Amino acid sequence: MIDYPAANAVAMVVQTGSFEKAARALNVTPSAVSQRVKQLEERLGTVLIERGTPCVATEKGAWLCRHMEHVGMLEQELTGHLPGLADPAAPMQRVTLNVAANADSLGTWFLTAISAFTRNSAYLLNVAVDDQDHTAEWLQRGRVLAAVTSLAKPVQGCRVTPLGALRYHATASPDYVERHFPSGVTPEAIARAPGLTFNQKDRLQLAWIRQALGRSVTYPTHWLPSTQSFVDAGLAGMGWGLNPALLVREHLASGRLVELIPGTALDIPLFWQVSRLAADRLSDLTREVVATAKRELAPRPVIA
């Protein structure tokens, strides 16, 4: 049988990031939390928590945490039908759902979707941010229950729903374009013009170069791990970069930003993948995500 007090201690340490905060949330002493975690690790013969600041789950610890999420959802559903099961003297513990999204979705449309969900739900959300090409890995490793991803093929054990496409424009300030592309945007000019890159996983600028210029080109770059900083850096003339149309349409309309090559938008198809075990209980979240995406995203590109 699963030692649920110990499993809950593991989940709370991972959620809060420390044994001390987990103890306060569980209304026990830090030594009690430490003992529960240690005994469960010894029983299983594996480390569940990487001790540090913050404490994080190991791969097997993450699977245990996802199981405790499912247990929490089941208990919340059951007490909704049978409120007498709840201990009125026990501290209220709300279930936190772990999901993942790419930064540009979070900075444009995804926050609208999850905010609508939380208005009518007792669940709390913990949103992990990663590149859209890598959020599926969070599902595969069991670290989240659902994710916005560019992967159309269902992750094992997941349901997938198409959302549409996040449209990007390659933009820069008029002054930047005048300085770096006086004779037009050519492969030679791109190779000299400083660009913007989110992080080492960001391949959007390279994808746009291949689509717009028909070849791969390496360009000098500034590193800016912030969706809004990409827009601000473009406005300041720091570099060129791919920005979501939802964030730059007003700047393009006013002329504060311009497209490097008009009519060369890059569409990135997005999908919503949810663990089958949690899909029915997360139907309200899925409904808000799909509805918001339908309003805000571009239609998925048709592949010939």
C-alpha atoms as a PDB file:
ATOM      1  CA  MET A   1       0.000   0.000   0.000  1.00  0.00           C
ATOM      2  CA  ILE A   2       1.089   3.561  -0.651  1.00  0.00           C
ATOM      3  CA  ASP A   3       2.094   5.564   2.399  1.00  0.00           C
ATOM      4  CA  TYR A   4      -0.009   8.615   1.540  1.00  0.00           C
ATOM      5  CA  PRO A   5       1.179  10.889   4.380  1.00  0.00           C
ATOM      6  CA  ALA A   6       4.750  10.301   3.200  1.00  0.00           C
ATOM      7  CA  ALA A   7       3.836  10.713  -0.471  1.00  0.00           C
ATOM      8  CA  ASN A   8       2.006  13.920   0.368  1.00  0.00           C
ATOM      9  CA  ALA A   9       5.096  15.168   2.200  1.00  0.00           C
ATOM     10  CA  VAL A  10       7.203  14.546  -0.917  1.00  0.00           C
ATOM     11  CA  ALA A  11       4.704  16.395  -3.100  1.00  0.00           C
ATOM     12  CA  MET A  12       4.535  19.343  -0.716  1.00  0.00           C
ATOM     13  CA  VAL A  13       8.327  19.658  -0.493  1.00  0.00           C
ATOM     14  CA  VAL A  14       8.513  19.747  -4.291  1.00  0.00           C
ATOM     15  CA  GLN A  15       5.642  22.212  -4.535  1.00  0.00           C
ATOM     16  CA  THR A  16       6.991  24.627  -1.926  1.00  0.00           C
ATOM     17  CA  GLY A  17      10.693  24.080  -2.614  1.00  0.00           C
ATOM     18  CA  SER A  18      11.751  23.345   0.963  1.00  0.00           C
ATOM     19  CA  PHE A  19      11.136  21.045   3.917  1.00  0.00           C
ATOM     20  CA  GLU A  20      10.388  24.007   6.178  1.00  0.00           C
ATOM     21  CA  LYS A  21       7.663  25.457   3.930  1.00  0.00           C
ATOM     22  CA  ALA A  22       6.198  21.993   3.416  1.00  0.00           C
ATOM     23  CA  ALA A  23       6.034  21.530   7.188  1.00  0.00           C
ATOM     24  CA  ARG A  24       4.126  24.793   7.606  1.00  0.00           C
ATOM     25  CA  ALA A  25       1.694  23.819   4.840  1.00  0.00           C
ATOM     26  CA  LEU A  26       1.114  20.396   6.422  1.00  0.00           C
ATOM     27  CA  ASN A  27       1.003  21.775   9.980  1.00  0.00           C
ATOM     28  CA  VAL A  28       3.769  19.442  11.193  1.00  0.00           C
ATOM     29  CA  THR A  29       7.422  19.886  12.153  1.00  0.00           C
ATOM     30  CA  PRO A  30      10.213  19.977   9.525  1.00  0.00           C
ATOM     31  CA  SER A  31      11.743  16.897  11.164  1.00  0.00           C
ATOM     32  CA  ALA A  32       8.456  15.027  10.655  1.00  0.00           C
ATOM     33  CA  VAL A  33       8.457  15.916   6.967  1.00  0.00           C
ATOM     34  CA  SER A  34      12.108  14.915   6.638  1.00  0.00           C
ATOM     35  CA  GLN A  35      11.462  11.592   8.370  1.00  0.00           C
ATOM     36  CA  ARG A  36       8.482  10.781   6.154  1.00  0.00           C
ATOM     37  CA  VAL A  37      10.411  11.534   2.999  1.00  0.00           C
ATOM     38  CA  LYS A  38      13.486   9.613   4.126  1.00  0.00           C
ATOM     39  CA  GLN A  39      11.481   6.541   5.139  1.00  0.00           C
ATOM     40  CA  LEU A  40       9.650   6.486   1.802  1.00  0.00           C
ATOM     41  CA  GLU A  41      12.914   6.841  -0.133  1.00  0.00           C
ATOM     42  CA  GLU A  42      14.469   4.015   1.870  1.00  0.00           C
ATOM     43  CA  ARG A  43      11.410   1.829   1.302  1.00  0.00           C
ATOM     44  CA  LEU A  44      11.465   2.489  -2.453  1.00  0.00           C
ATOM     45  CA  GLY A  45      15.241   2.324  -2.729  1.00  0.00           C
ATOM     46  CA  THR A  46      15.447   5.547  -4.723  1.00  0.00           C
ATOM     47  CA  VAL A  47      15.919   9.273  -4.177  1.00  0.00           C
ATOM     48  CA  LEU A  48      12.682  11.202  -4.697  1.00  0.00           C
ATOM     49  CA  ILE A  49      13.892  14.728  -3.927  1.00  0.00           C
ATOM     50  CA  GLU A  50      17.098  16.468  -4.926  1.00  0.00           C
ATOM     51  CA  ARG A  51      17.975  18.495  -1.836  1.00  0.00           C
ATOM     52  CA  GLY A  52      18.922  22.064  -2.634  1.00  0.00           C
ATOM     53  CA  THR A  53      17.556  25.589  -2.889  1.00  0.00           C
ATOM     54  CA  PRO A  54      14.940  24.954  -4.046  1.00  0.00           C
ATOM     55  CA  CYS A  55      14.323  21.244  -3.538  1.00  0.00           C
ATOM     56  CA  VAL A  56      13.205  19.591  -6.784  1.00  0.00           C
ATOM     57  CA  ALA A  57      11.801  16.195  -7.687  1.00  0.00           C
ATOM     58  CA  THR A  58      13.869  13.499  -9.304  1.00  0.00           C
ATOM     59  CA  GLU A  59      12.306  11.731 -12.291  1.00  0.00           C
ATOM     60  CA  LYS A  60      10.715   9.105 -10.032  1.00  0.00           C
ATOM     61  CA  GLY A  61       9.754  11.754  -7.521  1.00  0.00           C
ATOM     62  CA  ALA A  62       7.945  13.638 -10.282  1.00  0.00           C
ATOM     63  CA  TRP A  63       5.856  10.578 -11.098  1.00  0.00           C
ATOM     64  CA  LEU A  64       4.889  10.286  -7.431  1.00  0.00           C
ATOM     65  CA  CYS A  65       3.925  13.978  -7.390  1.00  0.00           C
ATOM     66  CA  ARG A  66       1.688  13.535 -10.444  1.00  0.00           C
ATOM     67  CA  HIS A  67       0.032  10.568  -8.714  1.00  0.00           C
ATOM     68  CA  MET A  68      -0.673  12.774  -5.717  1.00  0.00           C
ATOM     69  CA  GLU A  69      -2.216  15.355  -8.048  1.00  0.00           C
ATOM     70  CA  HIS A  70      -4.595  12.668  -9.322  1.00  0.00           C
ATOM     71  CA  VAL A  71      -5.381  11.635  -5.748  1.00  0.00           C
ATOM     72  CA  GLY A  72      -6.052  15.245  -4.823  1.00  0.00           C
ATOM     73  CA  MET A  73      -8.411  15.694  -7.770  1.00  0.00           C
ATOM     74  CA  LEU A  74     -10.266  12.505  -6.872  1.00  0.00           C
ATOM     75  CA  GLU A  75     -10.594  13.544  -3.225  1.00  0.00           C
ATOM     76  CA  GLN A  76     -11.822  17.006  -4.185  1.00  0.00           C
ATOM     77  CA  GLU A  77     -14.395  15.495  -6.509  1.00  0.00           C
ATOM     78  CA  LEU A  78     -15.520  13.019  -3.851  1.00  0.00           C
ATOM     79  CA  THR A  79     -15.883  15.586  -1.059  1.00  0.00           C
ATOM     80  CA  GLY A  80     -17.919  17.706  -3.451  1.00  0.00           C
ATOM     81  CA  HIS A  81     -20.470  14.875  -3.527  1.00  0.00           C
ATOM     82  CA  LEU A  82     -19.933  13.772   0.087  1.00  0.00           C
ATOM     83  CA  PRO A  83     -18.901  16.868   2.082  1.00  0.00           C
ATOM     84  CA  GLY A  84     -19.259  14.966   5.349  1.00  0.00           C
ATOM     85  CA  LEU A  85     -16.042  13.085   4.515  1.00  0.00           C
ATOM     86  CA  ALA A  86     -13.960  16.225   4.977  1.00  0.00           C
ATOM     87  CA  ASP A  87     -12.410  16.774   8.386  1.00  0.00           C
ATOM     88  CA  PRO A  88     -13.541  20.265   9.465  1.00  0.00           C
ATOM     89  CA  ALA A  89     -10.618  20.498  11.898  1.00  0.00           C
ATOM     90  CA  ALA A  90      -7.997  19.745   9.252  1.00  0.00           C
ATOM     91  CA  PRO A  91      -6.317  22.658   7.411  1.00  0.00           C
ATOM     92  CA  MET A  92      -7.721  23.212   3.926  1.00  0.00           C
ATOM     93  CA  GLN A  93      -5.387  21.891   1.242  1.00  0.00           C
ATOM     94  CA  ARG A  94      -6.044  22.967  -2.325  1.00  0.00           C
ATOM     95  CA  VAL A  95      -4.809  20.871  -5.235  1.00  0.00           C
ATOM     96  CA  THR A  96      -2.127  22.440  -7.448  1.00  0.00           C
ATOM     97  CA  LEU A  97      -2.130  21.344 -11.097  1.00  0.00           C
ATOM     98  CA  ASN A  98       1.159  21.414 -13.002  1.00  0.00           C
ATOM     99  CA  VAL A  99       0.970  22.478 -16.641  1.00  0.00           C
ATOM    100  CA  ALA A 100       3.500  23.751 -19.187  1.00  0.00           C
ATOM    101  CA  ALA A 101       3.432  26.371 -21.927  1.00  0.00           C
ATOM    102  CA  ASN A 102       5.879  28.257 -24.087  1.00  0.00           C
ATOM    103  CA  ALA A 103       6.758  31.797 -23.003  1.00  0.00           C
ATOM    104  CA  ASP A 104       5.175  33.469 -26.030  1.00  0.00           C
ATOM    105  CA  SER A 105       1.847  31.714 -25.435  1.00  0.00           C
ATOM    106  CA  LEU A 106       1.947  32.704 -21.771  1.00  0.00           C
ATOM    107  CA  GLY A 107       2.741  36.282 -22.776  1.00  0.00           C
ATOM    108  CA  THR A 108      -0.108  36.526 -25.294  1.00  0.00           C
ATOM    109  CA  TRP A 109      -3.174  34.253 -25.000  1.00  0.00           C
ATOM    110  CA  PHE A 110      -2.608  31.418 -22.497  1.00  0.00           C
ATOM    111  CA  LEU A 111      -2.912  33.567 -19.375  1.00  0.00           C
ATOM    112  CA  THR A 112      -6.395  34.627 -20.523  1.00  0.00           C
ATOM    113  CA  ALA A 113      -7.399  30.967 -20.789  1.00  0.00           C
ATOM    114  CA  ILE A 114      -6.118  29.836 -17.406  1.00  0.00           C
ATOM    115  CA  SER A 115      -7.462  32.956 -15.675  1.00  0.00           C
ATOM    116  CA  ALA A 116     -10.938  32.140 -16.975  1.00  0.00           C
ATOM    117  CA  PHE A 117     -10.524  28.584 -15.674  1.00  0.00           C
ATOM    118  CA  THR A 118      -9.452  29.654 -12.179  1.00  0.00           C
ATOM    119  CA  ARG A 119     -12.472  31.945 -11.744  1.00  0.00           C
ATOM    120  CA  ASN A 120     -14.717  28.899 -11.435  1.00  0.00           C
ATOM    121  CA  SER A 121     -12.288  26.311 -10.078  1.00  0.00           C
ATOM    122  CA  ALA A 122     -10.770  25.557  -6.684  1.00  0.00           C
ATOM    123  CA  TYR A 123      -7.590  24.276  -8.323  1.00  0.00           C
ATOM    124  CA  LEU A 124      -4.336  26.225  -8.168  1.00  0.00           C
ATOM    125  CA  LEU A 125      -1.984  26.221 -11.152  1.00  0.00           C
ATOM    126  CA  ASN A 126       1.785  25.907 -11.426  1.00  0.00           C
ATOM    127  CA  VAL A 127       2.825  26.900 -14.955  1.00  0.00           C
ATOM    128  CA  ALA A 128       6.217  25.717 -16.190  1.00  0.00           C
ATOM    129  CA  VAL A 129       7.715  27.646 -19.116  1.00  0.00           C
ATOM    130  CA  ASP A 130       9.787  26.095 -21.886  1.00  0.00           C
ATOM    131  CA  ASP A 131      10.177  26.299 -25.649  1.00  0.00           C
ATOM    132  CA  GLN A 132       7.137  24.975 -27.530  1.00  0.00           C
ATOM    133  CA  ASP A 133       9.333  22.281 -29.074  1.00  0.00           C
ATOM    134  CA  HIS A 134      10.278  21.033 -25.599  1.00  0.00           C
ATOM    135  CA  THR A 135       7.146  21.300 -23.430  1.00  0.00           C
ATOM    136  CA  ALA A 136       6.133  17.799 -24.561  1.00  0.00           C
ATOM    137  CA  GLU A 137       9.194  16.507 -22.715  1.00  0.00           C
ATOM    138  CA  TRP A 138       7.626  17.746 -19.464  1.00  0.00           C
ATOM    139  CA  LEU A 139       4.669  15.455 -20.206  1.00  0.00           C
ATOM    140  CA  GLN A 140       6.915  12.552 -21.137  1.00  0.00           C
ATOM    141  CA  ARG A 141       8.869  12.910 -17.877  1.00  0.00           C
ATOM    142  CA  GLY A 142       5.650  13.069 -15.870  1.00  0.00           C
ATOM    143  CA  ARG A 143       6.328  16.570 -14.542  1.00  0.00           C
ATOM    144  CA  VAL A 144       3.072  18.116 -15.804  1.00  0.00           C
ATOM    145  CA  LEU A 145      -0.470  16.951 -16.519  1.00  0.00           C
ATOM    146  CA  ALA A 146      -1.001  19.106 -19.607  1.00  0.00           C
ATOM    147  CA  ALA A 147       1.019  21.281 -21.964  1.00  0.00           C
ATOM    148  CA  VAL A 148       0.875  23.671 -24.891  1.00  0.00           C
ATOM    149  CA  THR A 149       3.273  22.160 -27.402  1.00  0.00           C
ATOM    150  CA  SER A 150       4.223  22.186 -31.072  1.00  0.00           C
ATOM    151  CA  LEU A 151       4.119  18.376 -31.108  1.00  0.00           C
ATOM    152  CA  ALA A 152       1.138  17.099 -33.105  1.00  0.00           C
ATOM    153  CA  LYS A 153       1.755  13.429 -32.304  1.00  0.00           C
ATOM    154  CA  PRO A 154       0.207  12.453 -28.964  1.00  0.00           C
ATOM    155  CA  VAL A 155       2.677  11.900 -26.168  1.00  0.00           C
ATOM    156  CA  GLN A 156       2.200   8.377 -24.785  1.00  0.00           C
ATOM    157  CA  GLY A 157      -0.803   8.386 -22.478  1.00  0.00           C
ATOM    158  CA  CYS A 158      -2.052  11.800 -23.622  1.00  0.00           C
ATOM    159  CA  ARG A 159      -4.909  13.261 -25.639  1.00  0.00           C
ATOM    160  CA  VAL A 160      -4.058  15.957 -28.188  1.00  0.00           C
ATOM    161  CA  THR A 161      -6.217  18.838 -29.441  1.00  0.00           C
ATOM    162  CA  PRO A 162      -5.142  21.241 -32.243  1.00  0.00           C
ATOM    163  CA  LEU A 163      -5.230  24.878 -31.125  1.00  0.00           C
ATOM    164  CA  GLY A 164      -4.241  26.916 -34.178  1.00  0.00           C
ATOM    165  CA  ALA A 165      -1.004  28.707 -34.970  1.00  0.00           C
ATOM    166  CA  LEU A 166       0.911  31.409 -33.128  1.00  0.00           C
ATOM    167  CA  ARG A 167       1.857  33.879 -35.859  1.00  0.00           C
ATOM    168  CA  TYR A 168       5.214  35.646 -35.744  1.00  0.00           C
ATOM    169  CA  HIS A 169       6.582  38.636 -37.645  1.00  0.00           C
ATOM    170  CA  ALA A 170      10.282  39.380 -38.103  1.00  0.00           C
ATOM    171  CA  THR A 171      10.407  42.976 -36.890  1.00  0.00           C
ATOM    172  CA  ALA A 172      12.784  45.807 -36.107  1.00  0.00           C
ATOM    173  CA  SER A 173      12.672  49.569 -35.713  1.00  0.00           C
ATOM    174  CA  PRO A 174      12.723  51.703 -38.888  1.00  0.00           C
ATOM    175  CA  ASP A 175      16.058  53.180 -37.778  1.00  0.00           C
ATOM    176  CA  TYR A 176      17.549  49.689 -37.321  1.00  0.00           C
ATOM    177  CA  VAL A 177      16.392  48.617 -40.789  1.00  0.00           C
ATOM    178  CA  GLU A 178      17.849  51.760 -42.335  1.00  0.00           C
ATOM    179  CA  ARG A 179      21.192  51.147 -40.633  1.00  0.00           C
ATOM    180  CA  HIS A 180      21.565  47.441 -41.275  1.00  0.00           C
ATOM    181  CA  PHE A 181      19.545  46.775 -44.435  1.00  0.00           C
ATOM    182  CA  PRO A 182      20.043  49.843 -46.666  1.00  0.00           C
ATOM    183  CA  SER A 183      20.022  47.632 -49.773  1.00  0.00           C
ATOM    184  CA  GLY A 184      17.372  45.171 -48.553  1.00  0.00           C
ATOM    185  CA  VAL A 185      17.295  42.074 -46.387  1.00  0.00           C
ATOM    186  CA  THR A 186      19.782  39.687 -47.970  1.00  0.00           C
ATOM    187  CA  PRO A 187      21.635  36.667 -46.564  1.00  0.00           C
ATOM    188  CA  GLU A 188      24.815  38.742 -46.494  1.00  0.00           C
ATOM    189  CA  ALA A 189      23.130  41.565 -44.557  1.00  0.00           C
ATOM    190  CA  ILE A 190      21.444  39.168 -42.095  1.00  0.00           C
ATOM    191  CA  ALA A 191      24.837  37.577 -41.388  1.00  0.00           C
ATOM    192  CA  ARG A 192      26.089  40.972 -40.142  1.00  0.00           C
ATOM    193  CA  ALA A 193      22.961  42.404 -38.460  1.00  0.00           C
ATOM    194  CA  PRO A 194      22.582  41.732 -34.708  1.00  0.00           C
ATOM    195  CA  GLY A 195      19.471  39.704 -33.955  1.00  0.00           C
ATOM    196  CA  LEU A 196      17.641  38.663 -30.804  1.00  0.00           C
ATOM    197  CA  THR A 197      17.471  35.117 -29.404  1.00  0.00           C
ATOM    198  CA  PHE A 198      15.394  33.985 -26.418  1.00  0.00           C
ATOM    199  CA  ASN A 199      17.709  31.167 -25.293  1.00  0.00           C
ATOM    200  CA  GLN A 200      19.671  28.222 -26.671  1.00  0.00           C
ATOM    201  CA  LYS A 201      16.440  26.379 -27.503  1.00  0.00           C
ATOM    202  CA  ASP A 202      15.055  29.254 -29.592  1.00  0.00           C
ATOM    203  CA  ARG A 203      15.057  28.356 -33.289  1.00  0.00           C
ATOM    204  CA  LEU A 204      12.390  30.789 -34.512  1.00  0.00           C
ATOM    205  CA  GLN A 205      14.766  33.296 -36.096  1.00  0.00           C
ATOM    206  CA  LEU A 206      16.619  30.516 -37.924  1.00  0.00           C
ATOM    207  CA  ALA A 207      13.323  29.047 -39.135  1.00  0.00           C
ATOM    208  CA  TRP A 208      12.221  32.439 -40.466  1.00  0.00           C
ATOM    209  CA  ILE A 209      15.551  32.961 -42.264  1.00  0.00           C
ATOM    210  CA  ARG A 210      15.194  29.595 -44.023  1.00  0.00           C
ATOM    211  CA  GLN A 211      11.583  30.342 -44.952  1.00  0.00           C
ATOM    212  CA  ALA A 212      12.156  33.939 -46.111  1.00  0.00           C
ATOM    213  CA  LEU A 213      15.598  33.663 -47.697  1.00  0.00           C
ATOM    214  CA  GLY A 214      15.662  30.012 -48.744  1.00  0.00           C
ATOM    215  CA  ARG A 215      18.882  29.174 -46.945  1.00  0.00           C
ATOM    216  CA  SER A 216      20.372  28.913 -43.465  1.00  0.00           C
ATOM    217  CA  VAL A 217      22.352  31.893 -42.202  1.00  0.00           C
ATOM    218  CA  THR A 218      24.160  32.352 -38.903  1.00  0.00           C
ATOM    219  CA  TYR A 219      23.704  35.812 -37.410  1.00  0.00           C
ATOM    220  CA  PRO A 220      25.219  37.673 -34.423  1.00  0.00           C
ATOM    221  CA  THR A 221      22.774  37.817 -31.550  1.00  0.00           C
ATOM    222  CA  HIS A 222      21.801  39.355 -28.261  1.00  0.00           C
ATOM    223  CA  TRP A 223      20.290  36.926 -25.722  1.00  0.00           C
ATOM    224  CA  LEU A 224      17.037  38.104 -24.116  1.00  0.00           C
ATOM    225  CA  PRO A 225      14.977  35.475 -22.223  1.00  0.00           C
ATOM    226  CA  SER A 226      11.807  37.573 -22.042  1.00  0.00           C
ATOM    227  CA  THR A 227       8.866  37.857 -24.442  1.00  0.00           C
ATOM    228  CA  GLN A 228       8.259  41.538 -23.649  1.00  0.00           C
ATOM    229  CA  SER A 229      11.993  42.324 -23.808  1.00  0.00           C
ATOM    230  CA  PHE A 230      12.006  41.112 -27.403  1.00  0.00           C
ATOM    231  CA  VAL A 231       9.444  43.785 -28.283  1.00  0.00           C
ATOM    232  CA  ASP A 232      11.166  46.478 -26.212  1.00  0.00           C
ATOM    233  CA  ALA A 233      14.584  45.675 -27.681  1.00  0.00           C
ATOM    234  CA  GLY A 234      13.141  45.927 -31.185  1.00  0.00           C
ATOM    235  CA  LEU A 235      11.578  49.293 -30.410  1.00  0.00           C
ATOM    236  CA  ALA A 236      14.907  50.486 -28.992  1.00  0.00           C
ATOM    237  CA  GLY A 237      16.780  49.500 -32.167  1.00  0.00           C
ATOM    238  CA  MET A 238      18.846  46.845 -30.415  1.00  0.00           C
ATOM    239  CA  GLY A 239      18.196  44.056 -32.902  1.00  0.00           C
ATOM    240  CA  TRP A 240      15.696  42.224 -35.080  1.00  0.00           C
ATOM    241  CA  GLY A 241      13.656  39.263 -33.916  1.00  0.00           C
ATOM    242  CA  LEU A 242      10.527  37.158 -34.284  1.00  0.00           C
ATOM    243  CA  ASN A 243       7.660  38.594 -32.237  1.00  0.00           C
ATOM    244  CA  PRO A 244       4.103  37.264 -31.834  1.00  0.00           C
ATOM    245  CA  ALA A 245       1.679  39.205 -34.027  1.00  0.00           C
ATOM    246  CA  LEU A 246      -0.575  39.577 -30.975  1.00  0.00           C
ATOM    247  CA  LEU A 247       2.126  41.691 -29.272  1.00  0.00           C
ATOM    248  CA  VAL A 248       3.361  43.852 -32.153  1.00  0.00           C
ATOM    249  CA  ARG A 249       0.291  44.573 -34.282  1.00  0.00           C
ATOM    250  CA  GLU A 250      -0.185  48.037 -32.769  1.00  0.00           C
ATOM    251  CA  HIS A 251       3.520  48.837 -33.154  1.00  0.00           C
ATOM    252  CA  LEU A 252       3.394  47.717 -36.785  1.00  0.00           C
ATOM    253  CA  ALA A 253       0.262  49.779 -37.412  1.00  0.00           C
ATOM    254  CA  SER A 254       1.887  52.893 -35.918  1.00  0.00           C
ATOM    255  CA  GLY A 255       5.194  52.373 -37.740  1.00  0.00           C
ATOM    256  CA  ARG A 256       7.246  52.064 -34.550  1.00  0.00           C
ATOM    257  CA  LEU A 257       8.187  48.594 -35.809  1.00  0.00           C
ATOM    258  CA  VAL A 258       8.368  47.329 -39.387  1.00  0.00           C
ATOM    259  CA  GLU A 259       8.562  43.866 -40.915  1.00  0.00           C
ATOM    260  CA  LEU A 260      11.965  43.011 -42.294  1.00  0.00           C
ATOM    261  CA  ILE A 261      10.300  41.459 -45.339  1.00  0.00           C
ATOM    262  CA  PRO A 262       6.550  42.205 -45.558  1.00  0.00           C
ATOM    263  CA  GLY A 263       4.320  39.176 -46.020  1.00  0.00           C
ATOM    264  CA  THR A 264       6.734  36.628 -44.520  1.00  0.00           C
ATOM    265  CA  ALA A 265       4.938  35.747 -41.293  1.00  0.00           C
ATOM    266  CA  LEU A 266       6.005  32.487 -39.636  1.00  0.00           C
ATOM    267  CA  ASP A 267       3.150  30.354 -38.260  1.00  0.00           C
ATOM    268  CA  ILE A 268       3.942  27.871 -35.480  1.00  0.00           C
ATOM    269  CA  PRO A 269       1.147  25.289 -35.007  1.00  0.00           C
ATOM    270  CA  LEU A 270       0.271  24.638 -31.368  1.00  0.00           C
ATOM    271  CA  PHE A 271      -1.454  21.702 -29.686  1.00  0.00           C
ATOM    272  CA  TRP A 272      -2.915  21.037 -26.244  1.00  0.00           C
ATOM    273  CA  GLN A 273      -1.854  17.704 -24.812  1.00  0.00           C
ATOM    274  CA  VAL A 274      -3.426  16.352 -21.610  1.00  0.00           C
ATOM    275  CA  SER A 275      -2.740  13.199 -19.635  1.00  0.00           C
ATOM    276  CA  ARG A 276      -5.560  10.733 -20.314  1.00  0.00           C
ATOM    277  CA  LEU A 277      -5.758   9.966 -16.600  1.00  0.00           C
ATOM    278  CA  ALA A 278      -6.596  13.604 -15.854  1.00  0.00           C
ATOM    279  CA  ALA A 279      -8.336  14.613 -19.088  1.00  0.00           C
ATOM    280  CA  ASP A 280     -11.915  14.245 -17.851  1.00  0.00           C
ATOM    281  CA  ARG A 281     -11.262  16.203 -14.658  1.00  0.00           C
ATOM    282  CA  LEU A 282      -9.434  18.889 -16.608  1.00  0.00           C
ATOM    283  CA  SER A 283     -12.204  19.242 -19.189  1.00  0.00           C
ATOM    284  CA  ASP A 284     -13.018  22.765 -17.957  1.00  0.00           C
ATOM    285  CA  LEU A 285      -9.390  23.817 -18.378  1.00  0.00           C
ATOM    286  CA  THR A 286      -9.253  22.259 -21.831  1.00  0.00           C
ATOM    287  CA  ARG A 287     -12.461  24.040 -22.826  1.00  0.00           C
ATOM    288  CA  GLU A 288     -11.040  27.447 -21.829  1.00  0.00           C
ATOM    289  CA  VAL A 289      -7.704  26.777 -23.545  1.00  0.00           C
ATOM    290  CA  VAL A 290      -9.359  25.683 -26.800  1.00  0.00           C
ATOM    291  CA  ALA A 291     -11.891  28.541 -26.784  1.00  0.00           C
ATOM    292  CA  THR A 292      -9.245  31.201 -26.142  1.00  0.00           C
ATOM    293  CA  ALA A 293      -6.922  29.735 -28.763  1.00  0.00           C
ATOM    294  CA  LYS A 294      -9.753  29.766 -31.313  1.00  0.00           C
ATOM    295  CA  ARG A 295     -10.262  33.494 -30.703  1.00  0.00           C
ATOM    296  CA  GLU A 296      -6.624  34.552 -30.562  1.00  0.00           C
ATOM    297  CA  LEU A 297      -4.556  32.232 -32.732  1.00  0.00           C
ATOM    298  CA  ALA A 298      -4.255  32.090 -36.503  1.00  0.00           C
ATOM    299  CA  PRO A 299      -5.684  29.070 -38.363  1.00  0.00           C
ATOM    300  CA  ARG A 300      -3.315  26.142 -38.605  1.00  0.00           C
ATOM    301  CA  PRO A 301      -1.296  26.225 -41.820  1.00  0.00           C
ATOM    302  CA  VAL A 302      -2.442  23.714 -44.419  1.00  0.00           C
ATOM    303  CA  ILE A 303       0.323  21.279 -45.336  1.00  0.00           C
ATOM    304  CA  ALA A 304       0.157  20.273 -48.996  1.00  0.00           C
END
